[in-house]
Amino acid sequence: MQQKEGIIPSELIASKIYIIRRLKVMLDRDLAALYGIETKVLKQAVRRNIKRFPGDFMFELSKQEFAHWRSQFVTSKKDKIGLRYSPMAFTEQGVAMLSSVLNSERAIEVNIQIMRVFTRFRQILLSNKDLRRELEELKRVTDDRFRVVFETLDQLLSHEERPKRKIGFKVEEKAARYRVTKRSTKSC
């Protein structure tokens, strides 16, 4: 079944996913923009239904996290307007829960797209783990093979360090033997 292209490009959604507290999250202001509502409206809906958002679904950034996050971006004064208060960060489950709190057609469509992006991220992460495992195995096998090659080279080099015995006869011996045979034939 062919997946229909959403109303928002997947790349835009992916660019709004941040890693905070080692979790992939989306911030309230970005979600509100994607849903086409004000951040204030989104926060009100969440606060009215706070029981649906436990700590592993949504959390507010601490002052330190907020300051660190803001320092990562060069923002103009206009962009800071929506950042007077610490934003809410929604995990994948929190974003899914938002669809039950925000009952608009656009919210449902956007949520479906966001879930697809999160799923794609998870698939990429799993394929990266498989690739990493294969590289580690290749490295181990390669290291074993290179160890054998280096040991063999060490043995060859250690044999070369011993003084070599010359093969064949020496020219001086041949000349001395020749002289001896020549004299012995004359005396007879």
C-alpha atoms as a PDB file:
ATOM      1  CA  MET A   1       0.000   0.000   0.000  1.00  0.00           C
ATOM      2  CA  GLN A   2       1.467   3.331  -1.028  1.00  0.00           C
ATOM      3  CA  GLN A   3       1.923   5.903   1.697  1.00  0.00           C
ATOM      4  CA  LYS A   4       0.351   9.239   0.841  1.00  0.00           C
ATOM      5  CA  GLU A   5       2.528  12.328   1.169  1.00  0.00           C
ATOM      6  CA  GLY A   6       1.454  14.427   4.132  1.00  0.00           C
ATOM      7  CA  ILE A   7       0.640  18.086   4.370  1.00  0.00           C
ATOM      8  CA  ILE A   8       4.020  18.813   5.977  1.00  0.00           C
ATOM      9  CA  PRO A   9       7.366  17.627   4.586  1.00  0.00           C
ATOM     10  CA  SER A  10       8.943  14.846   6.662  1.00  0.00           C
ATOM     11  CA  GLU A  11      12.256  16.714   6.650  1.00  0.00           C
ATOM     12  CA  LEU A  12      10.608  19.660   8.414  1.00  0.00           C
ATOM     13  CA  ILE A  13       9.194  17.376  11.094  1.00  0.00           C
ATOM     14  CA  ALA A  14      12.541  15.600  11.495  1.00  0.00           C
ATOM     15  CA  SER A  15      14.306  18.943  11.975  1.00  0.00           C
ATOM     16  CA  LYS A  16      12.010  19.665  14.928  1.00  0.00           C
ATOM     17  CA  ILE A  17      13.004  16.534  16.851  1.00  0.00           C
ATOM     18  CA  TYR A  18      15.613  17.204  19.534  1.00  0.00           C
ATOM     19  CA  ILE A  19      17.513  15.003  21.965  1.00  0.00           C
ATOM     20  CA  ILE A  20      16.894  16.207  25.517  1.00  0.00           C
ATOM     21  CA  ARG A  21      17.549  14.001  28.560  1.00  0.00           C
ATOM     22  CA  ARG A  22      18.601  11.326  26.088  1.00  0.00           C
ATOM     23  CA  LEU A  23      15.060  11.234  24.689  1.00  0.00           C
ATOM     24  CA  LYS A  24      13.834  12.221  21.244  1.00  0.00           C
ATOM     25  CA  VAL A  25      11.347  15.010  21.877  1.00  0.00           C
ATOM     26  CA  MET A  26       9.442  17.756  20.130  1.00  0.00           C
ATOM     27  CA  LEU A  27       8.843  21.114  21.770  1.00  0.00           C
ATOM     28  CA  ASP A  28       5.437  22.678  22.323  1.00  0.00           C
ATOM     29  CA  ARG A  29       6.086  25.681  20.088  1.00  0.00           C
ATOM     30  CA  ASP A  30       7.155  23.493  17.159  1.00  0.00           C
ATOM     31  CA  LEU A  31       4.147  21.199  17.593  1.00  0.00           C
ATOM     32  CA  ALA A  32       1.798  24.175  17.826  1.00  0.00           C
ATOM     33  CA  ALA A  33       3.233  25.573  14.579  1.00  0.00           C
ATOM     34  CA  LEU A  34       2.802  22.198  12.866  1.00  0.00           C
ATOM     35  CA  TYR A  35      -0.780  21.907  14.134  1.00  0.00           C
ATOM     36  CA  GLY A  36      -1.522  25.470  13.058  1.00  0.00           C
ATOM     37  CA  ILE A  37      -2.454  26.701  16.555  1.00  0.00           C
ATOM     38  CA  GLU A  38      -0.895  29.028  19.108  1.00  0.00           C
ATOM     39  CA  THR A  39       1.519  27.595  21.672  1.00  0.00           C
ATOM     40  CA  LYS A  40      -0.727  28.978  24.404  1.00  0.00           C
ATOM     41  CA  VAL A  41      -3.681  26.924  23.117  1.00  0.00           C
ATOM     42  CA  LEU A  42      -1.606  23.734  23.030  1.00  0.00           C
ATOM     43  CA  LYS A  43      -0.333  24.286  26.594  1.00  0.00           C
ATOM     44  CA  GLN A  44      -3.857  24.964  27.855  1.00  0.00           C
ATOM     45  CA  ALA A  45      -5.149  21.746  26.292  1.00  0.00           C
ATOM     46  CA  VAL A  46      -2.329  19.784  27.879  1.00  0.00           C
ATOM     47  CA  ARG A  47      -2.826  21.358  31.322  1.00  0.00           C
ATOM     48  CA  ARG A  48      -6.558  20.608  31.181  1.00  0.00           C
ATOM     49  CA  ASN A  49      -5.711  16.951  30.488  1.00  0.00           C
ATOM     50  CA  ILE A  50      -2.504  16.681  32.518  1.00  0.00           C
ATOM     51  CA  LYS A  51      -3.326  13.119  33.690  1.00  0.00           C
ATOM     52  CA  ARG A  52      -2.836  11.955  30.105  1.00  0.00           C
ATOM     53  CA  PHE A  53       0.775  13.213  30.142  1.00  0.00           C
ATOM     54  CA  PRO A  54       2.939  11.412  32.709  1.00  0.00           C
ATOM     55  CA  GLY A  55       6.640  12.258  32.972  1.00  0.00           C
ATOM     56  CA  ASP A  56       7.670   9.813  30.255  1.00  0.00           C
ATOM     57  CA  PHE A  57       5.182  11.417  27.804  1.00  0.00           C
ATOM     58  CA  MET A  58       5.842  15.101  28.519  1.00  0.00           C
ATOM     59  CA  PHE A  59       8.080  17.217  30.742  1.00  0.00           C
ATOM     60  CA  GLU A  60       8.941  20.887  31.068  1.00  0.00           C
ATOM     61  CA  LEU A  61      12.536  21.853  30.505  1.00  0.00           C
ATOM     62  CA  SER A  62      14.404  22.919  33.626  1.00  0.00           C
ATOM     63  CA  LYS A  63      15.871  26.433  33.685  1.00  0.00           C
ATOM     64  CA  GLN A  64      19.324  24.997  33.031  1.00  0.00           C
ATOM     65  CA  GLU A  65      18.125  22.830  30.112  1.00  0.00           C
ATOM     66  CA  PHE A  66      16.177  25.759  28.728  1.00  0.00           C
ATOM     67  CA  ALA A  67      19.209  28.065  28.907  1.00  0.00           C
ATOM     68  CA  HIS A  68      21.424  25.430  27.308  1.00  0.00           C
ATOM     69  CA  TRP A  69      18.902  24.729  24.567  1.00  0.00           C
ATOM     70  CA  ARG A  70      18.516  28.450  23.782  1.00  0.00           C
ATOM     71  CA  SER A  71      22.292  28.884  23.656  1.00  0.00           C
ATOM     72  CA  GLN A  72      22.442  26.315  20.844  1.00  0.00           C
ATOM     73  CA  PHE A  73      20.559  28.625  18.504  1.00  0.00           C
ATOM     74  CA  VAL A  74      21.282  32.147  17.379  1.00  0.00           C
ATOM     75  CA  THR A  75      17.869  33.718  17.712  1.00  0.00           C
ATOM     76  CA  SER A  76      16.596  37.163  16.951  1.00  0.00           C
ATOM     77  CA  LYS A  77      14.436  39.084  19.424  1.00  0.00           C
ATOM     78  CA  LYS A  78      11.395  38.242  17.324  1.00  0.00           C
ATOM     79  CA  ASP A  79      12.119  34.519  17.729  1.00  0.00           C
ATOM     80  CA  LYS A  80      12.440  34.876  21.531  1.00  0.00           C
ATOM     81  CA  ILE A  81       8.850  36.080  21.890  1.00  0.00           C
ATOM     82  CA  GLY A  82       7.544  32.536  22.397  1.00  0.00           C
ATOM     83  CA  LEU A  83      10.420  31.554  24.676  1.00  0.00           C
ATOM     84  CA  ARG A  84       9.687  33.485  27.850  1.00  0.00           C
ATOM     85  CA  TYR A  85       8.622  30.292  29.607  1.00  0.00           C
ATOM     86  CA  SER A  86      10.263  26.906  29.639  1.00  0.00           C
ATOM     87  CA  PRO A  87       8.799  24.835  26.829  1.00  0.00           C
ATOM     88  CA  MET A  88       7.087  21.506  27.227  1.00  0.00           C
ATOM     89  CA  ALA A  89       8.929  18.616  25.613  1.00  0.00           C
ATOM     90  CA  PHE A  90       6.831  15.748  24.244  1.00  0.00           C
ATOM     91  CA  THR A  91       8.191  12.262  23.653  1.00  0.00           C
ATOM     92  CA  GLU A  92       6.799  10.081  20.878  1.00  0.00           C
ATOM     93  CA  GLN A  93       4.084   8.793  23.227  1.00  0.00           C
ATOM     94  CA  GLY A  94       3.263  12.341  24.298  1.00  0.00           C
ATOM     95  CA  VAL A  95       2.852  13.441  20.706  1.00  0.00           C
ATOM     96  CA  ALA A  96       0.535  10.481  20.123  1.00  0.00           C
ATOM     97  CA  MET A  97      -1.489  11.500  23.188  1.00  0.00           C
ATOM     98  CA  LEU A  98      -1.842  15.030  21.808  1.00  0.00           C
ATOM     99  CA  SER A  99      -4.081  13.673  19.059  1.00  0.00           C
ATOM    100  CA  SER A 100      -6.656  12.734  21.704  1.00  0.00           C
ATOM    101  CA  VAL A 101      -6.464  16.188  23.281  1.00  0.00           C
ATOM    102  CA  LEU A 102      -6.490  18.238  20.077  1.00  0.00           C
ATOM    103  CA  ASN A 103      -9.545  17.171  18.085  1.00  0.00           C
ATOM    104  CA  SER A 104      -8.946  18.851  14.745  1.00  0.00           C
ATOM    105  CA  GLU A 105      -8.566  17.192  11.375  1.00  0.00           C
ATOM    106  CA  ARG A 106      -5.177  18.849  10.882  1.00  0.00           C
ATOM    107  CA  ALA A 107      -3.946  17.623  14.289  1.00  0.00           C
ATOM    108  CA  ILE A 108      -4.815  14.046  13.330  1.00  0.00           C
ATOM    109  CA  GLU A 109      -3.040  14.281   9.959  1.00  0.00           C
ATOM    110  CA  VAL A 110       0.031  15.940  11.448  1.00  0.00           C
ATOM    111  CA  ASN A 111       0.191  13.352  14.246  1.00  0.00           C
ATOM    112  CA  ILE A 112       0.155  10.540  11.708  1.00  0.00           C
ATOM    113  CA  GLN A 113       3.069  12.158   9.877  1.00  0.00           C
ATOM    114  CA  ILE A 114       4.991  12.703  13.110  1.00  0.00           C
ATOM    115  CA  MET A 115       4.497   9.059  14.114  1.00  0.00           C
ATOM    116  CA  ARG A 116       5.854   7.974  10.725  1.00  0.00           C
ATOM    117  CA  VAL A 117       8.957  10.121  11.194  1.00  0.00           C
ATOM    118  CA  PHE A 118       9.559   8.710  14.693  1.00  0.00           C
ATOM    119  CA  THR A 119       9.134   5.184  13.284  1.00  0.00           C
ATOM    120  CA  ARG A 120      11.618   5.911  10.500  1.00  0.00           C
ATOM    121  CA  PHE A 121      14.116   7.208  13.093  1.00  0.00           C
ATOM    122  CA  ARG A 122      13.702   3.998  15.089  1.00  0.00           C
ATOM    123  CA  GLN A 123      14.289   1.888  11.946  1.00  0.00           C
ATOM    124  CA  ILE A 124      17.413   3.878  11.087  1.00  0.00           C
ATOM    125  CA  LEU A 125      18.694   3.437  14.619  1.00  0.00           C
ATOM    126  CA  LEU A 126      18.128  -0.329  14.466  1.00  0.00           C
ATOM    127  CA  SER A 127      19.844  -0.615  11.090  1.00  0.00           C
ATOM    128  CA  ASN A 128      22.768   1.405  12.492  1.00  0.00           C
ATOM    129  CA  LYS A 129      23.050  -1.062  15.395  1.00  0.00           C
ATOM    130  CA  ASP A 130      23.136  -3.958  12.937  1.00  0.00           C
ATOM    131  CA  LEU A 131      25.750  -2.175  10.851  1.00  0.00           C
ATOM    132  CA  ARG A 132      27.824  -1.393  13.959  1.00  0.00           C
ATOM    133  CA  ARG A 133      27.631  -5.064  15.029  1.00  0.00           C
ATOM    134  CA  GLU A 134      28.761  -6.204  11.562  1.00  0.00           C
ATOM    135  CA  LEU A 135      31.656  -3.723  11.588  1.00  0.00           C
ATOM    136  CA  GLU A 136      32.769  -4.953  15.021  1.00  0.00           C
ATOM    137  CA  GLU A 137      32.709  -8.564  13.780  1.00  0.00           C
ATOM    138  CA  LEU A 138      34.667  -7.585  10.659  1.00  0.00           C
ATOM    139  CA  LYS A 139      37.167  -5.701  12.810  1.00  0.00           C
ATOM    140  CA  ARG A 140      37.615  -8.716  15.092  1.00  0.00           C
ATOM    141  CA  VAL A 141      38.147 -11.105  12.164  1.00  0.00           C
ATOM    142  CA  THR A 142      40.471  -8.632  10.455  1.00  0.00           C
ATOM    143  CA  ASP A 143      42.441  -8.095  13.658  1.00  0.00           C
ATOM    144  CA  ASP A 144      42.896 -11.878  14.032  1.00  0.00           C
ATOM    145  CA  ARG A 145      44.093 -12.181  10.436  1.00  0.00           C
ATOM    146  CA  PHE A 146      46.436  -9.209  10.706  1.00  0.00           C
ATOM    147  CA  ARG A 147      47.828 -10.557  13.974  1.00  0.00           C
ATOM    148  CA  VAL A 148      48.809 -13.762  12.107  1.00  0.00           C
ATOM    149  CA  VAL A 149      50.350 -11.696   9.289  1.00  0.00           C
ATOM    150  CA  PHE A 150      52.330  -9.550  11.751  1.00  0.00           C
ATOM    151  CA  GLU A 151      53.526 -12.601  13.691  1.00  0.00           C
ATOM    152  CA  THR A 152      54.726 -14.182  10.441  1.00  0.00           C
ATOM    153  CA  LEU A 153      56.497 -10.948   9.468  1.00  0.00           C
ATOM    154  CA  ASP A 154      58.150 -10.807  12.902  1.00  0.00           C
ATOM    155  CA  GLN A 155      59.410 -14.374  12.446  1.00  0.00           C
ATOM    156  CA  LEU A 156      60.758 -13.565   9.006  1.00  0.00           C
ATOM    157  CA  LEU A 157      62.512 -10.455  10.299  1.00  0.00           C
ATOM    158  CA  SER A 158      64.021 -12.335  13.235  1.00  0.00           C
ATOM    159  CA  HIS A 159      65.452 -14.962  10.824  1.00  0.00           C
ATOM    160  CA  GLU A 160      67.064 -12.215   8.767  1.00  0.00           C
ATOM    161  CA  GLU A 161      68.873 -10.843  11.820  1.00  0.00           C
ATOM    162  CA  ARG A 162      71.013 -14.029  12.192  1.00  0.00           C
ATOM    163  CA  PRO A 163      74.282 -13.973  10.224  1.00  0.00           C
ATOM    164  CA  LYS A 164      73.820 -15.758   6.950  1.00  0.00           C
ATOM    165  CA  ARG A 165      76.042 -18.653   5.991  1.00  0.00           C
ATOM    166  CA  LYS A 166      77.369 -18.194   2.505  1.00  0.00           C
ATOM    167  CA  ILE A 167      76.544 -20.827  -0.003  1.00  0.00           C
ATOM    168  CA  GLY A 168      79.138 -22.081  -2.492  1.00  0.00           C
ATOM    169  CA  PHE A 169      82.909 -22.086  -2.409  1.00  0.00           C
ATOM    170  CA  LYS A 170      85.293 -19.231  -1.953  1.00  0.00           C
ATOM    171  CA  VAL A 171      87.443 -17.967  -4.761  1.00  0.00           C
ATOM    172  CA  GLU A 172      90.572 -18.012  -2.580  1.00  0.00           C
ATOM    173  CA  GLU A 173      90.189 -21.716  -1.916  1.00  0.00           C
ATOM    174  CA  LYS A 174      89.849 -22.450  -5.625  1.00  0.00           C
ATOM    175  CA  ALA A 175      92.996 -20.489  -6.455  1.00  0.00           C
ATOM    176  CA  ALA A 176      95.002 -22.227  -3.701  1.00  0.00           C
ATOM    177  CA  ARG A 177      93.806 -25.651  -4.822  1.00  0.00           C
ATOM    178  CA  TYR A 178      94.690 -24.804  -8.428  1.00  0.00           C
ATOM    179  CA  ARG A 179      98.230 -23.851  -7.443  1.00  0.00           C
ATOM    180  CA  VAL A 180      98.641 -27.043  -5.487  1.00  0.00           C
ATOM    181  CA  THR A 181      97.558 -29.213  -8.386  1.00  0.00           C
ATOM    182  CA  LYS A 182      99.810 -27.382 -10.847  1.00  0.00           C
ATOM    183  CA  ARG A 183     102.919 -27.876  -8.730  1.00  0.00           C
ATOM    184  CA  SER A 184     102.166 -31.501  -8.122  1.00  0.00           C
ATOM    185  CA  THR A 185     101.998 -32.208 -11.881  1.00  0.00           C
ATOM    186  CA  LYS A 186     105.352 -30.505 -12.559  1.00  0.00           C
ATOM    187  CA  SER A 187     107.256 -32.485  -9.980  1.00  0.00           C
ATOM    188  CA  CYS A 188     106.300 -35.782 -11.501  1.00  0.00           C
END
